[in-house]
PDB file of N, CA and C in Angstrom:
ATOM      1  N   MET A   1      12.968   5.820  -2.000  1.00  0.00           N
ATOM      2  CA  MET A   1      11.386   5.072  -2.211  1.00  0.00           C
ATOM      3  C   MET A   1      11.481   3.443  -2.307  1.00  0.00           C
ATOM      4  N   MET A   2      10.876   3.272  -1.622  1.00  0.00           N
ATOM      5  CA  MET A   2      11.330   2.203  -1.327  1.00  0.00           C
ATOM      6  C   MET A   2       9.176   1.030  -1.634  1.00  0.00           C
ATOM      7  N   ARG A   3       8.814   0.180  -1.214  1.00  0.00           N
ATOM      8  CA  ARG A   3       7.654   0.152  -1.499  1.00  0.00           C
ATOM      9  C   ARG A   3       6.842  -0.099  -0.810  1.00  0.00           C
ATOM     10  N   LEU A   4       5.256  -0.413  -0.486  1.00  0.00           N
ATOM     11  CA  LEU A   4       4.764  -0.593   0.734  1.00  0.00           C
ATOM     12  C   LEU A   4       4.501  -1.126   1.787  1.00  0.00           C
ATOM     13  N   HIS A   5       5.006  -2.695   1.047  1.00  0.00           N
ATOM     14  CA  HIS A   5       5.179  -3.738   2.299  1.00  0.00           C
ATOM     15  C   HIS A   5       6.417  -4.064   2.368  1.00  0.00           C
ATOM     16  N   GLN A   6       7.338  -3.068   2.674  1.00  0.00           N
ATOM     17  CA  GLN A   6       8.356  -2.576   2.667  1.00  0.00           C
ATOM     18  C   GLN A   6       8.580  -1.349   4.190  1.00  0.00           C
ATOM     19  N   LEU A   7       7.681  -1.023   4.047  1.00  0.00           N
ATOM     20  CA  LEU A   7       7.948  -0.195   5.219  1.00  0.00           C
ATOM     21  C   LEU A   7       7.168  -0.633   6.028  1.00  0.00           C
ATOM     22  N   PRO A   8       7.781  -0.018   7.881  1.00  0.00           N
ATOM     23  CA  PRO A   8       8.244  -1.092   9.303  1.00  0.00           C
ATOM     24  C   PRO A   8       6.129  -0.878   9.827  1.00  0.00           C
ATOM     25  N   VAL A   9       5.925  -1.987  10.190  1.00  0.00           N
ATOM     26  CA  VAL A   9       4.909  -2.076  11.045  1.00  0.00           C
ATOM     27  C   VAL A   9       4.626  -0.677  12.063  1.00  0.00           C
ATOM     28  N   GLY A  10       3.671   0.959  12.471  1.00  0.00           N
ATOM     29  CA  GLY A  10       3.546   1.965  12.845  1.00  0.00           C
ATOM     30  C   GLY A  10       3.767   3.100  12.018  1.00  0.00           C
ATOM     31  N   SER A  11       4.430   2.766  10.534  1.00  0.00           N
ATOM     32  CA  SER A  11       5.204   3.901  10.178  1.00  0.00           C
ATOM     33  C   SER A  11       4.450   4.194   9.062  1.00  0.00           C
ATOM     34  N   LYS A  12       4.326   5.238   8.948  1.00  0.00           N
ATOM     35  CA  LYS A  12       3.777   6.317   7.634  1.00  0.00           C
ATOM     36  C   LYS A  12       4.722   7.031   5.938  1.00  0.00           C
ATOM     37  N   GLY A  13       3.823   6.741   4.695  1.00  0.00           N
ATOM     38  CA  GLY A  13       4.622   7.414   4.541  1.00  0.00           C
ATOM     39  C   GLY A  13       3.781   8.424   3.139  1.00  0.00           C
ATOM     40  N   ARG A  14       4.148   8.662   1.952  1.00  0.00           N
ATOM     41  CA  ARG A  14       3.491   9.152   1.296  1.00  0.00           C
ATOM     42  C   ARG A  14       2.981   8.221  -0.107  1.00  0.00           C
ATOM     43  N   ILE A  15       2.280   8.052  -0.850  1.00  0.00           N
ATOM     44  CA  ILE A  15       2.636   7.459  -1.483  1.00  0.00           C
ATOM     45  C   ILE A  15       3.000   8.435  -3.248  1.00  0.00           C
ATOM     46  N   VAL A  16       3.875   7.403  -3.573  1.00  0.00           N
ATOM     47  CA  VAL A  16       5.122   8.232  -4.476  1.00  0.00           C
ATOM     48  C   VAL A  16       3.879   8.346  -6.524  1.00  0.00           C
ATOM     49  N   ALA A  17       3.982   6.459  -6.815  1.00  0.00           N
ATOM     50  CA  ALA A  17       3.885   6.032  -7.457  1.00  0.00           C
ATOM     51  C   ALA A  17       3.163   4.340  -7.374  1.00  0.00           C
ATOM     52  N   LEU A  18       2.550   4.125  -8.868  1.00  0.00           N
ATOM     53  CA  LEU A  18       1.599   2.836  -8.449  1.00  0.00           C
ATOM     54  C   LEU A  18       2.765   2.429  -9.589  1.00  0.00           C
ATOM     55  N   ARG A  19       3.315   0.763  -9.325  1.00  0.00           N
ATOM     56  CA  ARG A  19       4.536   0.140 -10.289  1.00  0.00           C
ATOM     57  C   ARG A  19       3.479  -1.195 -11.182  1.00  0.00           C
ATOM     58  N   CYS A  20       2.619  -1.740 -11.407  1.00  0.00           N
ATOM     59  CA  CYS A  20       1.901  -1.618 -11.445  1.00  0.00           C
ATOM     60  C   CYS A  20       2.027  -2.581 -13.273  1.00  0.00           C
ATOM     61  N   GLU A  21       1.788  -3.984 -12.418  1.00  0.00           N
ATOM     62  CA  GLU A  21       1.977  -5.298 -14.477  1.00  0.00           C
ATOM     63  C   GLU A  21       0.693  -5.013 -14.943  1.00  0.00           C
ATOM     64  N   SER A  22      -0.351  -4.918 -14.174  1.00  0.00           N
ATOM     65  CA  SER A  22      -1.823  -5.657 -14.455  1.00  0.00           C
ATOM     66  C   SER A  22      -2.156  -3.665 -14.268  1.00  0.00           C
ATOM     67  N   ASP A  23      -3.193  -3.422 -14.999  1.00  0.00           N
ATOM     68  CA  ASP A  23      -4.442  -2.941 -15.444  1.00  0.00           C
ATOM     69  C   ASP A  23      -5.495  -3.713 -14.550  1.00  0.00           C
ATOM     70  N   THR A  24      -6.000  -4.571 -13.877  1.00  0.00           N
ATOM     71  CA  THR A  24      -6.703  -4.988 -12.798  1.00  0.00           C
ATOM     72  C   THR A  24      -6.573  -4.073 -12.111  1.00  0.00           C
ATOM     73  N   ILE A  25      -4.900  -4.701 -11.059  1.00  0.00           N
ATOM     74  CA  ILE A  25      -5.004  -4.283  -9.828  1.00  0.00           C
ATOM     75  C   ILE A  25      -4.283  -2.819 -10.210  1.00  0.00           C
ATOM     76  N   ARG A  26      -4.136  -1.998 -11.065  1.00  0.00           N
ATOM     77  CA  ARG A  26      -4.293  -0.084 -10.280  1.00  0.00           C
ATOM     78  C   ARG A  26      -5.893   0.045 -10.521  1.00  0.00           C
ATOM     79  N   THR A  27      -6.567  -0.685 -11.203  1.00  0.00           N
ATOM     80  CA  THR A  27      -8.249  -0.088 -11.274  1.00  0.00           C
ATOM     81  C   THR A  27      -8.446  -0.308  -9.481  1.00  0.00           C
ATOM     82  N   ARG A  28      -7.757  -1.500  -8.875  1.00  0.00           N
ATOM     83  CA  ARG A  28      -8.434  -1.676  -8.043  1.00  0.00           C
ATOM     84  C   ARG A  28      -8.446  -0.693  -6.511  1.00  0.00           C
ATOM     85  N   LEU A  29      -6.517  -0.621  -7.103  1.00  0.00           N
ATOM     86  CA  LEU A  29      -5.802   0.722  -5.635  1.00  0.00           C
ATOM     87  C   LEU A  29      -6.682   1.525  -6.109  1.00  0.00           C
ATOM     88  N   ASN A  30      -7.084   1.970  -6.680  1.00  0.00           N
ATOM     89  CA  ASN A  30      -7.366   3.564  -6.988  1.00  0.00           C
ATOM     90  C   ASN A  30      -9.046   3.678  -6.856  1.00  0.00           C
ATOM     91  N   ALA A  31      -9.163   2.203  -6.851  1.00  0.00           N
ATOM     92  CA  ALA A  31     -10.610   1.988  -6.294  1.00  0.00           C
ATOM     93  C   ALA A  31     -10.709   2.204  -4.970  1.00  0.00           C
ATOM     94  N   LEU A  32      -9.784   1.876  -4.680  1.00  0.00           N
ATOM     95  CA  LEU A  32      -9.325   2.206  -2.857  1.00  0.00           C
ATOM     96  C   LEU A  32      -8.992   3.278  -2.229  1.00  0.00           C
ATOM     97  N   GLY A  33      -8.765   4.352  -3.159  1.00  0.00           N
ATOM     98  CA  GLY A  33      -8.112   5.014  -2.627  1.00  0.00           C
ATOM     99  C   GLY A  33      -6.766   5.393  -2.880  1.00  0.00           C
ATOM    100  N   ILE A  34      -5.900   4.570  -3.388  1.00  0.00           N
ATOM    101  CA  ILE A  34      -5.388   4.556  -3.385  1.00  0.00           C
ATOM    102  C   ILE A  34      -4.166   4.721  -4.056  1.00  0.00           C
ATOM    103  N   VAL A  35      -3.942   6.658  -3.898  1.00  0.00           N
ATOM    104  CA  VAL A  35      -3.687   6.507  -5.477  1.00  0.00           C
ATOM    105  C   VAL A  35      -2.608   8.033  -4.805  1.00  0.00           C
ATOM    106  N   LYS A  36      -1.051   8.936  -6.113  1.00  0.00           N
ATOM    107  CA  LYS A  36      -0.463   9.296  -6.205  1.00  0.00           C
ATOM    108  C   LYS A  36      -0.348  10.339  -4.870  1.00  0.00           C
ATOM    109  N   GLY A  37       0.289  10.705  -3.882  1.00  0.00           N
ATOM    110  CA  GLY A  37       0.241  11.562  -2.896  1.00  0.00           C
ATOM    111  C   GLY A  37      -0.465  11.191  -1.294  1.00  0.00           C
ATOM    112  N   GLU A  38      -1.440  10.689  -1.598  1.00  0.00           N
ATOM    113  CA  GLU A  38      -2.165   9.792   0.051  1.00  0.00           C
ATOM    114  C   GLU A  38      -0.742   9.248   0.808  1.00  0.00           C
ATOM    115  N   SER A  39      -1.542   9.497   1.900  1.00  0.00           N
ATOM    116  CA  SER A  39      -0.424   9.239   2.922  1.00  0.00           C
ATOM    117  C   SER A  39      -0.567   7.839   3.445  1.00  0.00           C
ATOM    118  N   VAL A  40      -0.362   7.004   3.365  1.00  0.00           N
ATOM    119  CA  VAL A  40      -1.041   5.674   4.322  1.00  0.00           C
ATOM    120  C   VAL A  40       0.374   5.038   5.128  1.00  0.00           C
ATOM    121  N   GLU A  41      -0.307   4.589   6.303  1.00  0.00           N
ATOM    122  CA  GLU A  41       0.286   4.424   7.885  1.00  0.00           C
ATOM    123  C   GLU A  41       0.127   2.939   7.965  1.00  0.00           C
ATOM    124  N   MET A  42       1.357   2.134   8.553  1.00  0.00           N
ATOM    125  CA  MET A  42       1.260  -0.127   7.846  1.00  0.00           C
ATOM    126  C   MET A  42       0.423   0.484   9.617  1.00  0.00           C
ATOM    127  N   LEU A  43       0.153  -0.516   9.359  1.00  0.00           N
ATOM    128  CA  LEU A  43      -1.051  -0.781  10.880  1.00  0.00           C
ATOM    129  C   LEU A  43      -0.198  -2.141  11.094  1.00  0.00           C
ATOM    130  N   LYS A  44      -0.186  -3.436  10.282  1.00  0.00           N
ATOM    131  CA  LYS A  44      -0.181  -4.683  10.963  1.00  0.00           C
ATOM    132  C   LYS A  44      -0.360  -6.059   8.978  1.00  0.00           C
ATOM    133  N   TYR A  45       0.154  -6.817   9.502  1.00  0.00           N
ATOM    134  CA  TYR A  45       0.517  -8.060   8.525  1.00  0.00           C
ATOM    135  C   TYR A  45       0.927  -8.970   9.125  1.00  0.00           C
ATOM    136  N   THR A  46       0.585 -10.224   8.281  1.00  0.00           N
ATOM    137  CA  THR A  46       0.000 -11.157   8.582  1.00  0.00           C
ATOM    138  C   THR A  46       1.984 -12.269   8.543  1.00  0.00           C
ATOM    139  N   LEU A  47       2.170 -13.147   9.601  1.00  0.00           N
ATOM    140  CA  LEU A  47       2.745 -14.174   9.828  1.00  0.00           C
ATOM    141  C   LEU A  47       4.021 -14.104   8.005  1.00  0.00           C
ATOM    142  N   ALA A  48       3.505 -14.613   7.539  1.00  0.00           N
ATOM    143  CA  ALA A  48       4.206 -15.325   5.954  1.00  0.00           C
ATOM    144  C   ALA A  48       4.318 -13.076   5.385  1.00  0.00           C
ATOM    145  N   LYS A  49       3.250 -12.512   6.142  1.00  0.00           N
ATOM    146  CA  LYS A  49       4.286 -11.795   4.785  1.00  0.00           C
ATOM    147  C   LYS A  49       3.207 -11.254   4.019  1.00  0.00           C
ATOM    148  N   ASN A  50       1.973 -12.292   3.694  1.00  0.00           N
ATOM    149  CA  ASN A  50       1.032 -12.377   1.893  1.00  0.00           C
ATOM    150  C   ASN A  50      -0.400 -11.137   2.364  1.00  0.00           C
ATOM    151  N   THR A  51      -0.831 -10.612   3.356  1.00  0.00           N
ATOM    152  CA  THR A  51      -1.279  -9.702   3.847  1.00  0.00           C
ATOM    153  C   THR A  51      -1.154  -8.969   4.848  1.00  0.00           C
ATOM    154  N   TYR A  52      -1.919  -8.012   3.603  1.00  0.00           N
ATOM    155  CA  TYR A  52      -1.090  -6.119   4.053  1.00  0.00           C
ATOM    156  C   TYR A  52      -2.490  -5.512   5.274  1.00  0.00           C
ATOM    157  N   GLU A  53      -2.085  -4.743   6.642  1.00  0.00           N
ATOM    158  CA  GLU A  53      -3.064  -4.218   6.707  1.00  0.00           C
ATOM    159  C   GLU A  53      -2.722  -2.132   6.893  1.00  0.00           C
ATOM    160  N   VAL A  54      -3.135  -1.719   6.637  1.00  0.00           N
ATOM    161  CA  VAL A  54      -2.498  -0.202   5.516  1.00  0.00           C
ATOM    162  C   VAL A  54      -4.183   0.596   6.533  1.00  0.00           C
ATOM    163  N   ARG A  55      -3.762   1.729   6.120  1.00  0.00           N
ATOM    164  CA  ARG A  55      -4.651   2.585   6.610  1.00  0.00           C
ATOM    165  C   ARG A  55      -4.324   3.901   5.746  1.00  0.00           C
ATOM    166  N   VAL A  56      -4.932   3.925   4.132  1.00  0.00           N
ATOM    167  CA  VAL A  56      -5.204   4.797   3.296  1.00  0.00           C
ATOM    168  C   VAL A  56      -6.375   5.826   3.941  1.00  0.00           C
ATOM    169  N   GLY A  57      -5.540   7.142   3.978  1.00  0.00           N
ATOM    170  CA  GLY A  57      -6.799   8.683   4.741  1.00  0.00           C
ATOM    171  C   GLY A  57      -7.568   8.020   6.543  1.00  0.00           C
ATOM    172  N   GLN A  58      -8.575   8.202   6.097  1.00  0.00           N
ATOM    173  CA  GLN A  58      -9.834   7.792   7.379  1.00  0.00           C
ATOM    174  C   GLN A  58      -9.823   6.426   7.020  1.00  0.00           C
ATOM    175  N   THR A  59      -8.527   5.509   6.307  1.00  0.00           N
ATOM    176  CA  THR A  59     -10.249   4.293   5.528  1.00  0.00           C
ATOM    177  C   THR A  59      -9.216   3.020   5.995  1.00  0.00           C
ATOM    178  N   ARG A  60      -8.797   1.941   6.628  1.00  0.00           N
ATOM    179  CA  ARG A  60      -8.122   0.536   6.843  1.00  0.00           C
ATOM    180  C   ARG A  60      -8.390  -0.050   5.791  1.00  0.00           C
ATOM    181  N   LEU A  61      -7.383  -0.589   5.339  1.00  0.00           N
ATOM    182  CA  LEU A  61      -7.618  -1.415   3.919  1.00  0.00           C
ATOM    183  C   LEU A  61      -6.077  -2.618   4.458  1.00  0.00           C
ATOM    184  N   ALA A  62      -7.048  -4.002   4.298  1.00  0.00           N
ATOM    185  CA  ALA A  62      -5.885  -5.492   3.528  1.00  0.00           C
ATOM    186  C   ALA A  62      -6.113  -5.300   1.650  1.00  0.00           C
ATOM    187  N   LEU A  63      -4.405  -5.737   1.813  1.00  0.00           N
ATOM    188  CA  LEU A  63      -3.801  -5.447   0.492  1.00  0.00           C
ATOM    189  C   LEU A  63      -3.609  -6.677   0.444  1.00  0.00           C
ATOM    190  N   ARG A  64      -3.980  -7.767  -0.737  1.00  0.00           N
ATOM    191  CA  ARG A  64      -2.693  -8.444  -0.662  1.00  0.00           C
ATOM    192  C   ARG A  64      -0.884  -8.072  -1.167  1.00  0.00           C
ATOM    193  N   LYS A  65       0.140  -8.724  -1.005  1.00  0.00           N
ATOM    194  CA  LYS A  65       0.572  -8.761  -0.615  1.00  0.00           C
ATOM    195  C   LYS A  65       1.076  -8.243  -2.393  1.00  0.00           C
ATOM    196  N   GLU A  66       0.785  -8.409  -3.845  1.00  0.00           N
ATOM    197  CA  GLU A  66       1.054  -8.117  -5.128  1.00  0.00           C
ATOM    198  C   GLU A  66       0.627  -6.716  -4.758  1.00  0.00           C
ATOM    199  N   GLU A  67      -0.522  -5.736  -4.273  1.00  0.00           N
ATOM    200  CA  GLU A  67      -1.114  -5.334  -4.401  1.00  0.00           C
ATOM    201  C   GLU A  67      -0.017  -4.363  -3.460  1.00  0.00           C
ATOM    202  N   ALA A  68       0.325  -5.066  -2.460  1.00  0.00           N
ATOM    203  CA  ALA A  68       1.432  -3.908  -2.056  1.00  0.00           C
ATOM    204  C   ALA A  68       2.750  -3.453  -1.864  1.00  0.00           C
ATOM    205  N   GLU A  69       3.109  -5.032  -3.252  1.00  0.00           N
ATOM    206  CA  GLU A  69       4.247  -4.361  -3.474  1.00  0.00           C
ATOM    207  C   GLU A  69       4.567  -3.275  -4.999  1.00  0.00           C
ATOM    208  N   ALA A  70       3.180  -3.169  -5.331  1.00  0.00           N
ATOM    209  CA  ALA A  70       2.538  -1.833  -6.302  1.00  0.00           C
ATOM    210  C   ALA A  70       3.052  -0.787  -5.756  1.00  0.00           C
ATOM    211  N   VAL A  71       2.128  -0.017  -5.025  1.00  0.00           N
ATOM    212  CA  VAL A  71       2.359   1.168  -3.879  1.00  0.00           C
ATOM    213  C   VAL A  71       3.665   1.445  -4.098  1.00  0.00           C
ATOM    214  N   GLU A  72       4.105   2.180  -4.491  1.00  0.00           N
ATOM    215  CA  GLU A  72       5.978   2.812  -3.892  1.00  0.00           C
ATOM    216  C   GLU A  72       5.152   4.019  -3.440  1.00  0.00           C
ATOM    217  N   VAL A  73       5.729   4.196  -1.717  1.00  0.00           N
ATOM    218  CA  VAL A  73       6.741   4.951  -0.624  1.00  0.00           C
ATOM    219  C   VAL A  73       7.152   5.940  -0.619  1.00  0.00           C
ATOM    220  N   ALA A  74       7.206   6.821   0.245  1.00  0.00           N
ATOM    221  CA  ALA A  74       8.140   7.907  -0.072  1.00  0.00           C
ATOM    222  C   ALA A  74       8.098   8.041   2.148  1.00  0.00           C
ATOM    223  N   ALA A  75       8.975   7.501   3.272  1.00  0.00           N
ATOM    224  CA  ALA A  75       8.764   7.791   4.046  1.00  0.00           C
ATOM    225  C   ALA A  75       9.463   8.768   5.817  1.00  0.00           C
TER     226      ALA A  75
END
């Protein structure tokens, strides 16, 4: 298991859990479709690795670092 921000560019995984300290972040991730069992692909990230572009299902999303760190995936 790893966190979404650790997934290499071009790699795919499946969401296993959300490890959020904040209910606000959990609510936002759920609203974006980031839920247990959904497939996810790391598309790219900024040089500072503070923003990540991912594909969840057929939707492309930009996530902040703290959001990507809260998503646990199985590669």
